[in-house]
Structure formats: C-alpha cells, structure tokens
mmCIF file of all heavy atoms, coordinates in Angstrom:
data_MODEL
# 
_entry.id   MODEL 
# 
loop_
_atom_site.group_PDB 
_atom_site.id 
_atom_site.type_symbol 
_atom_site.label_atom_id 
_atom_site.label_alt_id 
_atom_site.label_comp_id 
_atom_site.label_asym_id 
_atom_site.label_entity_id 
_atom_site.label_seq_id 
_atom_site.pdbx_PDB_ins_code 
_atom_site.Cartn_x 
_atom_site.Cartn_y 
_atom_site.Cartn_z 
_atom_site.occupancy 
_atom_site.B_iso_or_equiv 
_atom_site.pdbx_formal_charge 
_atom_site.auth_seq_id 
_atom_site.auth_comp_id 
_atom_site.auth_asym_id 
_atom_site.auth_atom_id 
_atom_site.pdbx_PDB_model_num 
ATOM 1   N N   . SER A 1 1  ? 9.879   0.497   -14.568 1.00 0.00 ? 1  SER A N   1 
ATOM 2   C CA  . SER A 1 1  ? 10.211  1.952   -14.235 1.00 0.00 ? 1  SER A CA  1 
ATOM 3   C C   . SER A 1 1  ? 9.198   2.792   -14.765 1.00 0.00 ? 1  SER A C   1 
ATOM 4   O O   . SER A 1 1  ? 8.846   2.687   -15.916 1.00 0.00 ? 1  SER A O   1 
ATOM 5   C CB  . SER A 1 1  ? 11.683  2.365   -14.734 1.00 0.00 ? 1  SER A CB  1 
ATOM 6   O OG  . SER A 1 1  ? 12.693  1.469   -14.184 1.00 0.00 ? 1  SER A OG  1 
ATOM 7   N N   . VAL A 1 2  ? 8.760   3.898   -14.053 1.00 0.00 ? 2  VAL A N   1 
ATOM 8   C CA  . VAL A 1 2  ? 7.762   4.740   -14.449 1.00 0.00 ? 2  VAL A CA  1 
ATOM 9   C C   . VAL A 1 2  ? 8.067   6.056   -13.882 1.00 0.00 ? 2  VAL A C   1 
ATOM 10  O O   . VAL A 1 2  ? 8.576   6.166   -12.692 1.00 0.00 ? 2  VAL A O   1 
ATOM 11  C CB  . VAL A 1 2  ? 6.310   4.201   -14.108 1.00 0.00 ? 2  VAL A CB  1 
ATOM 12  C CG1 . VAL A 1 2  ? 6.249   4.050   -12.499 1.00 0.00 ? 2  VAL A CG1 1 
ATOM 13  C CG2 . VAL A 1 2  ? 5.331   5.085   -14.701 1.00 0.00 ? 2  VAL A CG2 1 
ATOM 14  N N   . HIS A 1 3  ? 7.605   7.254   -14.554 1.00 0.00 ? 3  HIS A N   1 
ATOM 15  C CA  . HIS A 1 3  ? 7.617   8.566   -13.985 1.00 0.00 ? 3  HIS A CA  1 
ATOM 16  C C   . HIS A 1 3  ? 6.568   8.735   -12.970 1.00 0.00 ? 3  HIS A C   1 
ATOM 17  O O   . HIS A 1 3  ? 5.466   8.166   -13.097 1.00 0.00 ? 3  HIS A O   1 
ATOM 18  C CB  . HIS A 1 3  ? 7.735   9.636   -15.100 1.00 0.00 ? 3  HIS A CB  1 
ATOM 19  C CG  . HIS A 1 3  ? 8.782   9.489   -15.979 1.00 0.00 ? 3  HIS A CG  1 
ATOM 20  N ND1 . HIS A 1 3  ? 10.115  9.623   -15.667 1.00 0.00 ? 3  HIS A ND1 1 
ATOM 21  C CD2 . HIS A 1 3  ? 8.849   9.218   -17.392 1.00 0.00 ? 3  HIS A CD2 1 
ATOM 22  C CE1 . HIS A 1 3  ? 10.948  9.486   -16.689 1.00 0.00 ? 3  HIS A CE1 1 
ATOM 23  N NE2 . HIS A 1 3  ? 10.204  9.391   -17.726 1.00 0.00 ? 3  HIS A NE2 1 
ATOM 24  N N   . PRO A 1 4  ? 6.742   9.835   -12.097 1.00 0.00 ? 4  PRO A N   1 
ATOM 25  C CA  . PRO A 1 4  ? 5.632   10.016  -11.182 1.00 0.00 ? 4  PRO A CA  1 
ATOM 26  C C   . PRO A 1 4  ? 4.470   10.543  -11.831 1.00 0.00 ? 4  PRO A C   1 
ATOM 27  O O   . PRO A 1 4  ? 4.502   11.160  -12.970 1.00 0.00 ? 4  PRO A O   1 
ATOM 28  C CB  . PRO A 1 4  ? 6.213   11.171  -10.355 1.00 0.00 ? 4  PRO A CB  1 
ATOM 29  C CG  . PRO A 1 4  ? 7.692   10.994  -10.285 1.00 0.00 ? 4  PRO A CG  1 
ATOM 30  C CD  . PRO A 1 4  ? 7.990   10.510  -11.586 1.00 0.00 ? 4  PRO A CD  1 
ATOM 31  N N   . GLY A 1 5  ? 3.305   10.048  -11.488 1.00 0.00 ? 5  GLY A N   1 
ATOM 32  C CA  . GLY A 1 5  ? 2.130   10.259  -12.178 1.00 0.00 ? 5  GLY A CA  1 
ATOM 33  C C   . GLY A 1 5  ? 1.578   9.210   -13.161 1.00 0.00 ? 5  GLY A C   1 
ATOM 34  O O   . GLY A 1 5  ? 0.550   9.281   -13.646 1.00 0.00 ? 5  GLY A O   1 
ATOM 35  N N   . GLY A 1 6  ? 2.661   8.435   -13.458 1.00 0.00 ? 6  GLY A N   1 
ATOM 36  C CA  . GLY A 1 6  ? 2.268   7.249   -14.430 1.00 0.00 ? 6  GLY A CA  1 
ATOM 37  C C   . GLY A 1 6  ? 1.522   6.105   -13.866 1.00 0.00 ? 6  GLY A C   1 
ATOM 38  O O   . GLY A 1 6  ? 1.068   6.217   -12.644 1.00 0.00 ? 6  GLY A O   1 
ATOM 39  N N   . SER A 1 7  ? 1.344   5.012   -14.626 1.00 0.00 ? 7  SER A N   1 
ATOM 40  C CA  . SER A 1 7  ? 0.639   3.898   -14.268 1.00 0.00 ? 7  SER A CA  1 
ATOM 41  C C   . SER A 1 7  ? 1.391   2.601   -14.636 1.00 0.00 ? 7  SER A C   1 
ATOM 42  O O   . SER A 1 7  ? 2.161   2.536   -15.457 1.00 0.00 ? 7  SER A O   1 
ATOM 43  C CB  . SER A 1 7  ? -0.717  3.887   -14.960 1.00 0.00 ? 7  SER A CB  1 
ATOM 44  O OG  . SER A 1 7  ? -1.484  4.937   -14.680 1.00 0.00 ? 7  SER A OG  1 
ATOM 45  N N   . LEU A 1 8  ? 1.096   1.597   -13.765 1.00 0.00 ? 8  LEU A N   1 
ATOM 46  C CA  . LEU A 1 8  ? 1.485   0.207   -13.998 1.00 0.00 ? 8  LEU A CA  1 
ATOM 47  C C   . LEU A 1 8  ? 0.370   -0.825  -13.709 1.00 0.00 ? 8  LEU A C   1 
ATOM 48  O O   . LEU A 1 8  ? -0.388  -0.454  -12.744 1.00 0.00 ? 8  LEU A O   1 
ATOM 49  C CB  . LEU A 1 8  ? 2.799   -0.171  -13.182 1.00 0.00 ? 8  LEU A CB  1 
ATOM 50  C CG  . LEU A 1 8  ? 4.097   0.503   -13.641 1.00 0.00 ? 8  LEU A CG  1 
ATOM 51  C CD1 . LEU A 1 8  ? 5.144   0.169   -12.536 1.00 0.00 ? 8  LEU A CD1 1 
ATOM 52  C CD2 . LEU A 1 8  ? 4.483   -0.126  -14.982 1.00 0.00 ? 8  LEU A CD2 1 
ATOM 53  N N   . ARG A 1 9  ? 0.417   -1.836  -14.237 1.00 0.00 ? 9  ARG A N   1 
ATOM 54  C CA  . ARG A 1 9  ? -0.541  -2.997  -13.804 1.00 0.00 ? 9  ARG A CA  1 
ATOM 55  C C   . ARG A 1 9  ? 0.207   -4.190  -13.547 1.00 0.00 ? 9  ARG A C   1 
ATOM 56  O O   . ARG A 1 9  ? 0.921   -4.829  -14.443 1.00 0.00 ? 9  ARG A O   1 
ATOM 57  C CB  . ARG A 1 9  ? -1.541  -3.230  -15.071 1.00 0.00 ? 9  ARG A CB  1 
ATOM 58  C CG  . ARG A 1 9  ? -2.613  -4.173  -14.650 1.00 0.00 ? 9  ARG A CG  1 
ATOM 59  C CD  . ARG A 1 9  ? -3.543  -4.642  -15.645 1.00 0.00 ? 9  ARG A CD  1 
ATOM 60  N NE  . ARG A 1 9  ? -4.738  -5.335  -15.376 1.00 0.00 ? 9  ARG A NE  1 
ATOM 61  C CZ  . ARG A 1 9  ? -5.463  -5.909  -16.052 1.00 0.00 ? 9  ARG A CZ  1 
ATOM 62  N NH1 . ARG A 1 9  ? -5.113  -6.180  -17.421 1.00 0.00 ? 9  ARG A NH1 1 
ATOM 63  N NH2 . ARG A 1 9  ? -6.648  -6.545  -15.712 1.00 0.00 ? 9  ARG A NH2 1 
ATOM 64  N N   . LEU A 1 10 ? 0.194   -4.539  -12.302 1.00 0.00 ? 10 LEU A N   1 
ATOM 65  C CA  . LEU A 1 10 ? 0.795   -5.802  -11.832 1.00 0.00 ? 10 LEU A CA  1 
ATOM 66  C C   . LEU A 1 10 ? -0.093  -6.930  -11.950 1.00 0.00 ? 10 LEU A C   1 
ATOM 67  O O   . LEU A 1 10 ? -1.370  -6.898  -11.649 1.00 0.00 ? 10 LEU A O   1 
ATOM 68  C CB  . LEU A 1 10 ? 1.283   -5.617  -10.372 1.00 0.00 ? 10 LEU A CB  1 
ATOM 69  C CG  . LEU A 1 10 ? 2.225   -4.353  -9.966  1.00 0.00 ? 10 LEU A CG  1 
ATOM 70  C CD1 . LEU A 1 10 ? 2.562   -4.314  -8.595  1.00 0.00 ? 10 LEU A CD1 1 
ATOM 71  C CD2 . LEU A 1 10 ? 3.333   -4.224  -11.037 1.00 0.00 ? 10 LEU A CD2 1 
ATOM 72  N N   . SER A 1 11 ? 0.514   -8.108  -12.160 1.00 0.00 ? 11 SER A N   1 
ATOM 73  C CA  . SER A 1 11 ? -0.313  -9.403  -12.237 1.00 0.00 ? 11 SER A CA  1 
ATOM 74  C C   . SER A 1 11 ? 0.219   -10.486 -11.348 1.00 0.00 ? 11 SER A C   1 
ATOM 75  O O   . SER A 1 11 ? 1.386   -10.414 -11.052 1.00 0.00 ? 11 SER A O   1 
ATOM 76  C CB  . SER A 1 11 ? -0.258  -9.955  -13.701 1.00 0.00 ? 11 SER A CB  1 
ATOM 77  O OG  . SER A 1 11 ? -0.871  -9.164  -14.649 1.00 0.00 ? 11 SER A OG  1 
ATOM 78  N N   . CYS A 1 12 ? -0.581  -11.271 -10.866 1.00 0.00 ? 12 CYS A N   1 
ATOM 79  C CA  . CYS A 1 12 ? -0.260  -12.173 -9.838  1.00 0.00 ? 12 CYS A CA  1 
ATOM 80  C C   . CYS A 1 12 ? -0.909  -13.635 -10.098 1.00 0.00 ? 12 CYS A C   1 
ATOM 81  O O   . CYS A 1 12 ? -2.251  -13.572 -10.320 1.00 0.00 ? 12 CYS A O   1 
ATOM 82  C CB  . CYS A 1 12 ? -0.638  -11.910 -8.311  1.00 0.00 ? 12 CYS A CB  1 
ATOM 83  S SG  . CYS A 1 12 ? -0.081  -12.983 -7.136  1.00 0.00 ? 12 CYS A SG  1 
ATOM 84  N N   . ALA A 1 13 ? -0.154  -14.590 -10.444 1.00 0.00 ? 13 ALA A N   1 
ATOM 85  C CA  . ALA A 1 13 ? -0.598  -15.901 -10.906 1.00 0.00 ? 13 ALA A CA  1 
ATOM 86  C C   . ALA A 1 13 ? -0.232  -16.927 -9.917  1.00 0.00 ? 13 ALA A C   1 
ATOM 87  O O   . ALA A 1 13 ? 0.909   -17.067 -9.496  1.00 0.00 ? 13 ALA A O   1 
ATOM 88  C CB  . ALA A 1 13 ? -0.001  -16.276 -12.231 1.00 0.00 ? 13 ALA A CB  1 
ATOM 89  N N   . PRO A 1 14 ? -1.311  -17.674 -9.394  1.00 0.00 ? 14 PRO A N   1 
ATOM 90  C CA  . PRO A 1 14 ? -0.965  -18.632 -8.392  1.00 0.00 ? 14 PRO A CA  1 
ATOM 91  C C   . PRO A 1 14 ? -0.311  -19.921 -9.175  1.00 0.00 ? 14 PRO A C   1 
ATOM 92  O O   . PRO A 1 14 ? -0.649  -20.211 -10.311 1.00 0.00 ? 14 PRO A O   1 
ATOM 93  C CB  . PRO A 1 14 ? -2.322  -19.139 -7.863  1.00 0.00 ? 14 PRO A CB  1 
ATOM 94  C CG  . PRO A 1 14 ? -3.342  -18.680 -9.044  1.00 0.00 ? 14 PRO A CG  1 
ATOM 95  C CD  . PRO A 1 14 ? -2.707  -17.531 -9.705  1.00 0.00 ? 14 PRO A CD  1 
ATOM 96  N N   . SER A 1 15 ? 0.329   -20.731 -8.362  1.00 0.00 ? 15 SER A N   1 
ATOM 97  C CA  . SER A 1 15 ? 0.966   -21.790 -8.851  1.00 0.00 ? 15 SER A CA  1 
ATOM 98  C C   . SER A 1 15 ? 0.426   -23.119 -8.046  1.00 0.00 ? 15 SER A C   1 
ATOM 99  O O   . SER A 1 15 ? 0.681   -23.298 -7.040  1.00 0.00 ? 15 SER A O   1 
ATOM 100 C CB  . SER A 1 15 ? 2.561   -21.805 -8.567  1.00 0.00 ? 15 SER A CB  1 
ATOM 101 O OG  . SER A 1 15 ? 3.140   -23.024 -9.120  1.00 0.00 ? 15 SER A OG  1 
ATOM 102 N N   . GLY A 1 16 ? -0.450  -23.850 -8.849  1.00 0.00 ? 16 GLY A N   1 
ATOM 103 C CA  . GLY A 1 16 ? -0.860  -25.108 -8.296  1.00 0.00 ? 16 GLY A CA  1 
ATOM 104 C C   . GLY A 1 16 ? -2.099  -25.063 -7.396  1.00 0.00 ? 16 GLY A C   1 
ATOM 105 O O   . GLY A 1 16 ? -2.405  -26.068 -6.735  1.00 0.00 ? 16 GLY A O   1 
ATOM 106 N N   . PHE A 1 17 ? -2.884  -23.963 -7.366  1.00 0.00 ? 17 PHE A N   1 
ATOM 107 C CA  . PHE A 1 17 ? -4.086  -23.863 -6.624  1.00 0.00 ? 17 PHE A CA  1 
ATOM 108 C C   . PHE A 1 17 ? -4.998  -22.785 -7.140  1.00 0.00 ? 17 PHE A C   1 
ATOM 109 O O   . PHE A 1 17 ? -4.641  -22.049 -7.950  1.00 0.00 ? 17 PHE A O   1 
ATOM 110 C CB  . PHE A 1 17 ? -3.713  -23.619 -5.071  1.00 0.00 ? 17 PHE A CB  1 
ATOM 111 C CG  . PHE A 1 17 ? -3.114  -22.283 -4.868  1.00 0.00 ? 17 PHE A CG  1 
ATOM 112 C CD1 . PHE A 1 17 ? -3.953  -21.176 -4.405  1.00 0.00 ? 17 PHE A CD1 1 
ATOM 113 C CD2 . PHE A 1 17 ? -1.838  -21.963 -5.043  1.00 0.00 ? 17 PHE A CD2 1 
ATOM 114 C CE1 . PHE A 1 17 ? -3.512  -19.997 -4.170  1.00 0.00 ? 17 PHE A CE1 1 
ATOM 115 C CE2 . PHE A 1 17 ? -1.321  -20.758 -4.744  1.00 0.00 ? 17 PHE A CE2 1 
ATOM 116 C CZ  . PHE A 1 17 ? -2.188  -19.671 -4.453  1.00 0.00 ? 17 PHE A CZ  1 
ATOM 117 N N   . SER A 1 18 ? -6.284  -22.865 -6.779  1.00 0.00 ? 18 SER A N   1 
ATOM 118 C CA  . SER A 1 18 ? -7.272  -21.993 -7.205  1.00 0.00 ? 18 SER A CA  1 
ATOM 119 C C   . SER A 1 18 ? -7.385  -20.862 -6.142  1.00 0.00 ? 18 SER A C   1 
ATOM 120 O O   . SER A 1 18 ? -7.265  -20.988 -5.083  1.00 0.00 ? 18 SER A O   1 
ATOM 121 C CB  . SER A 1 18 ? -8.649  -22.835 -7.239  1.00 0.00 ? 18 SER A CB  1 
ATOM 122 O OG  . SER A 1 18 ? -9.652  -21.824 -7.602  1.00 0.00 ? 18 SER A OG  1 
ATOM 123 N N   . LEU A 1 19 ? -7.756  -19.710 -6.722  1.00 0.00 ? 19 LEU A N   1 
ATOM 124 C CA  . LEU A 1 19 ? -7.820  -18.453 -5.996  1.00 0.00 ? 19 LEU A CA  1 
ATOM 125 C C   . LEU A 1 19 ? -9.205  -18.445 -5.301  1.00 0.00 ? 19 LEU A C   1 
ATOM 126 O O   . LEU A 1 19 ? -9.472  -17.561 -4.541  1.00 0.00 ? 19 LEU A O   1 
ATOM 127 C CB  . LEU A 1 19 ? -7.709  -17.191 -6.803  1.00 0.00 ? 19 LEU A CB  1 
ATOM 128 C CG  . LEU A 1 19 ? -6.270  -17.081 -7.329  1.00 0.00 ? 19 LEU A CG  1 
ATOM 129 C CD1 . LEU A 1 19 ? -6.291  -15.830 -8.385  1.00 0.00 ? 19 LEU A CD1 1 
ATOM 130 C CD2 . LEU A 1 19 ? -5.229  -16.694 -6.269  1.00 0.00 ? 19 LEU A CD2 1 
ATOM 131 N N   . SER A 1 20 ? -10.138 -19.304 -5.636  1.00 0.00 ? 20 SER A N   1 
ATOM 132 C CA  . SER A 1 20 ? -11.637 -19.117 -5.345  1.00 0.00 ? 20 SER A CA  1 
ATOM 133 C C   . SER A 1 20 ? -11.751 -19.080 -3.857  1.00 0.00 ? 20 SER A C   1 
ATOM 134 O O   . SER A 1 20 ? -12.750 -18.485 -3.385  1.00 0.00 ? 20 SER A O   1 
ATOM 135 C CB  . SER A 1 20 ? -12.400 -20.196 -5.970  1.00 0.00 ? 20 SER A CB  1 
ATOM 136 O OG  . SER A 1 20 ? -12.021 -21.493 -5.511  1.00 0.00 ? 20 SER A OG  1 
ATOM 137 N N   . HIS A 1 21 ? -10.950 -19.711 -2.987  1.00 0.00 ? 21 HIS A N   1 
ATOM 138 C CA  . HIS A 1 21 ? -11.065 -19.812 -1.637  1.00 0.00 ? 21 HIS A CA  1 
ATOM 139 C C   . HIS A 1 21 ? -10.175 -18.968 -0.691  1.00 0.00 ? 21 HIS A C   1 
ATOM 140 O O   . HIS A 1 21 ? -10.031 -19.049 0.435   1.00 0.00 ? 21 HIS A O   1 
ATOM 141 C CB  . HIS A 1 21 ? -10.914 -21.232 -1.097  1.00 0.00 ? 21 HIS A CB  1 
ATOM 142 C CG  . HIS A 1 21 ? -12.001 -22.249 -1.733  1.00 0.00 ? 21 HIS A CG  1 
ATOM 143 N ND1 . HIS A 1 21 ? -13.291 -22.136 -1.499  1.00 0.00 ? 21 HIS A ND1 1 
ATOM 144 C CD2 . HIS A 1 21 ? -11.881 -23.208 -2.648  1.00 0.00 ? 21 HIS A CD2 1 
ATOM 145 C CE1 . HIS A 1 21 ? -13.865 -23.117 -2.118  1.00 0.00 ? 21 HIS A CE1 1 
ATOM 146 N NE2 . HIS A 1 21 ? -12.993 -23.668 -2.880  1.00 0.00 ? 21 HIS A NE2 1 
ATOM 147 N N   . TYR A 1 22 ? -9.500  -18.013 -1.393  1.00 0.00 ? 22 TYR A N   1 
ATOM 148 C CA  . TYR A 1 22 ? -8.498  -17.172 -0.799  1.00 0.00 ? 22 TYR A CA  1 
ATOM 149 C C   . TYR A 1 22 ? -8.822  -15.651 -0.928  1.00 0.00 ? 22 TYR A C   1 
ATOM 150 O O   . TYR A 1 22 ? -9.592  -15.201 -1.786  1.00 0.00 ? 22 TYR A O   1 
ATOM 151 C CB  . TYR A 1 22 ? -7.128  -17.462 -1.341  1.00 0.00 ? 22 TYR A CB  1 
ATOM 152 C CG  . TYR A 1 22 ? -6.550  -18.790 -1.041  1.00 0.00 ? 22 TYR A CG  1 
ATOM 153 C CD1 . TYR A 1 22 ? -6.866  -20.075 -1.830  1.00 0.00 ? 22 TYR A CD1 1 
ATOM 154 C CD2 . TYR A 1 22 ? -5.917  -19.096 0.127   1.00 0.00 ? 22 TYR A CD2 1 
ATOM 155 C CE1 . TYR A 1 22 ? -6.299  -21.199 -1.424  1.00 0.00 ? 22 TYR A CE1 1 
ATOM 156 C CE2 . TYR A 1 22 ? -5.418  -20.366 0.464   1.00 0.00 ? 22 TYR A CE2 1 
ATOM 157 C CZ  . TYR A 1 22 ? -5.607  -21.313 -0.258  1.00 0.00 ? 22 TYR A CZ  1 
ATOM 158 O OH  . TYR A 1 22 ? -5.137  -22.644 0.136   1.00 0.00 ? 22 TYR A OH  1 
ATOM 159 N N   . TYR A 1 23 ? -8.079  -14.940 -0.045  1.00 0.00 ? 23 TYR A N   1 
ATOM 160 C CA  . TYR A 1 23 ? -8.102  -13.570 0.025   1.00 0.00 ? 23 TYR A CA  1 
ATOM 161 C C   . TYR A 1 23 ? -6.687  -13.097 -0.212  1.00 0.00 ? 23 TYR A C   1 
ATOM 162 O O   . TYR A 1 23 ? -5.721  -13.336 0.481   1.00 0.00 ? 23 TYR A O   1 
ATOM 163 C CB  . TYR A 1 23 ? -8.610  -13.009 1.364   1.00 0.00 ? 23 TYR A CB  1 
ATOM 164 C CG  . TYR A 1 23 ? -9.991  -13.644 1.523   1.00 0.00 ? 23 TYR A CG  1 
ATOM 165 C CD1 . TYR A 1 23 ? -10.110 -14.924 2.190   1.00 0.00 ? 23 TYR A CD1 1 
ATOM 166 C CD2 . TYR A 1 23 ? -11.158 -12.925 1.204   1.00 0.00 ? 23 TYR A CD2 1 
ATOM 167 C CE1 . TYR A 1 23 ? -11.383 -15.399 2.404   1.00 0.00 ? 23 TYR A CE1 1 
ATOM 168 C CE2 . TYR A 1 23 ? -12.408 -13.535 1.466   1.00 0.00 ? 23 TYR A CE2 1 
ATOM 169 C CZ  . TYR A 1 23 ? -12.582 -14.711 2.035   1.00 0.00 ? 23 TYR A CZ  1 
ATOM 170 O OH  . TYR A 1 23 ? -13.689 -15.327 2.268   1.00 0.00 ? 23 TYR A OH  1 
ATOM 171 N N   . ILE A 1 24 ? -6.554  -12.220 -1.407  1.00 0.00 ? 24 ILE A N   1 
ATOM 172 C CA  . ILE A 1 24 ? -5.233  -11.849 -1.856  1.00 0.00 ? 24 ILE A CA  1 
ATOM 173 C C   . ILE A 1 24 ? -4.743  -10.542 -1.306  1.00 0.00 ? 24 ILE A C   1 
ATOM 174 O O   . ILE A 1 24 ? -5.456  -9.613  -1.370  1.00 0.00 ? 24 ILE A O   1 
ATOM 175 C CB  . ILE A 1 24 ? -5.269  -11.927 -3.469  1.00 0.00 ? 24 ILE A CB  1 
ATOM 176 C CG1 . ILE A 1 24 ? -5.804  -13.074 -3.920  1.00 0.00 ? 24 ILE A CG1 1 
ATOM 177 C CG2 . ILE A 1 24 ? -3.795  -11.621 -3.914  1.00 0.00 ? 24 ILE A CG2 1 
ATOM 178 C CD1 . ILE A 1 24 ? -5.171  -14.393 -3.462  1.00 0.00 ? 24 ILE A CD1 1 
ATOM 179 N N   . GLY A 1 25 ? -3.475  -10.556 -0.811  1.00 0.00 ? 25 GLY A N   1 
ATOM 180 C CA  . GLY A 1 25 ? -2.893  -9.291  -0.230  1.00 0.00 ? 25 GLY A CA  1 
ATOM 181 C C   . GLY A 1 25 ? -1.757  -8.820  -1.205  1.00 0.00 ? 25 GLY A C   1 
ATOM 182 O O   . GLY A 1 25 ? -1.034  -9.653  -1.642  1.00 0.00 ? 25 GLY A O   1 
# 
C-alpha cells in the first residue's frame, strides 16, 4: 500500500529457467 505520488519496486523471479532468452512483460 502506498499514497499517491509514492514509489514501489516490484521484483519477479523465474522458477526453473533462465531469463536470458526471454522478453518480460
């Protein structure tokens, strides 16, 4: 939860594969 104007950083970790050959949406 954050107020308008604030910031958050979301993280995404793959399970069982490498990101090197993919394009992340």
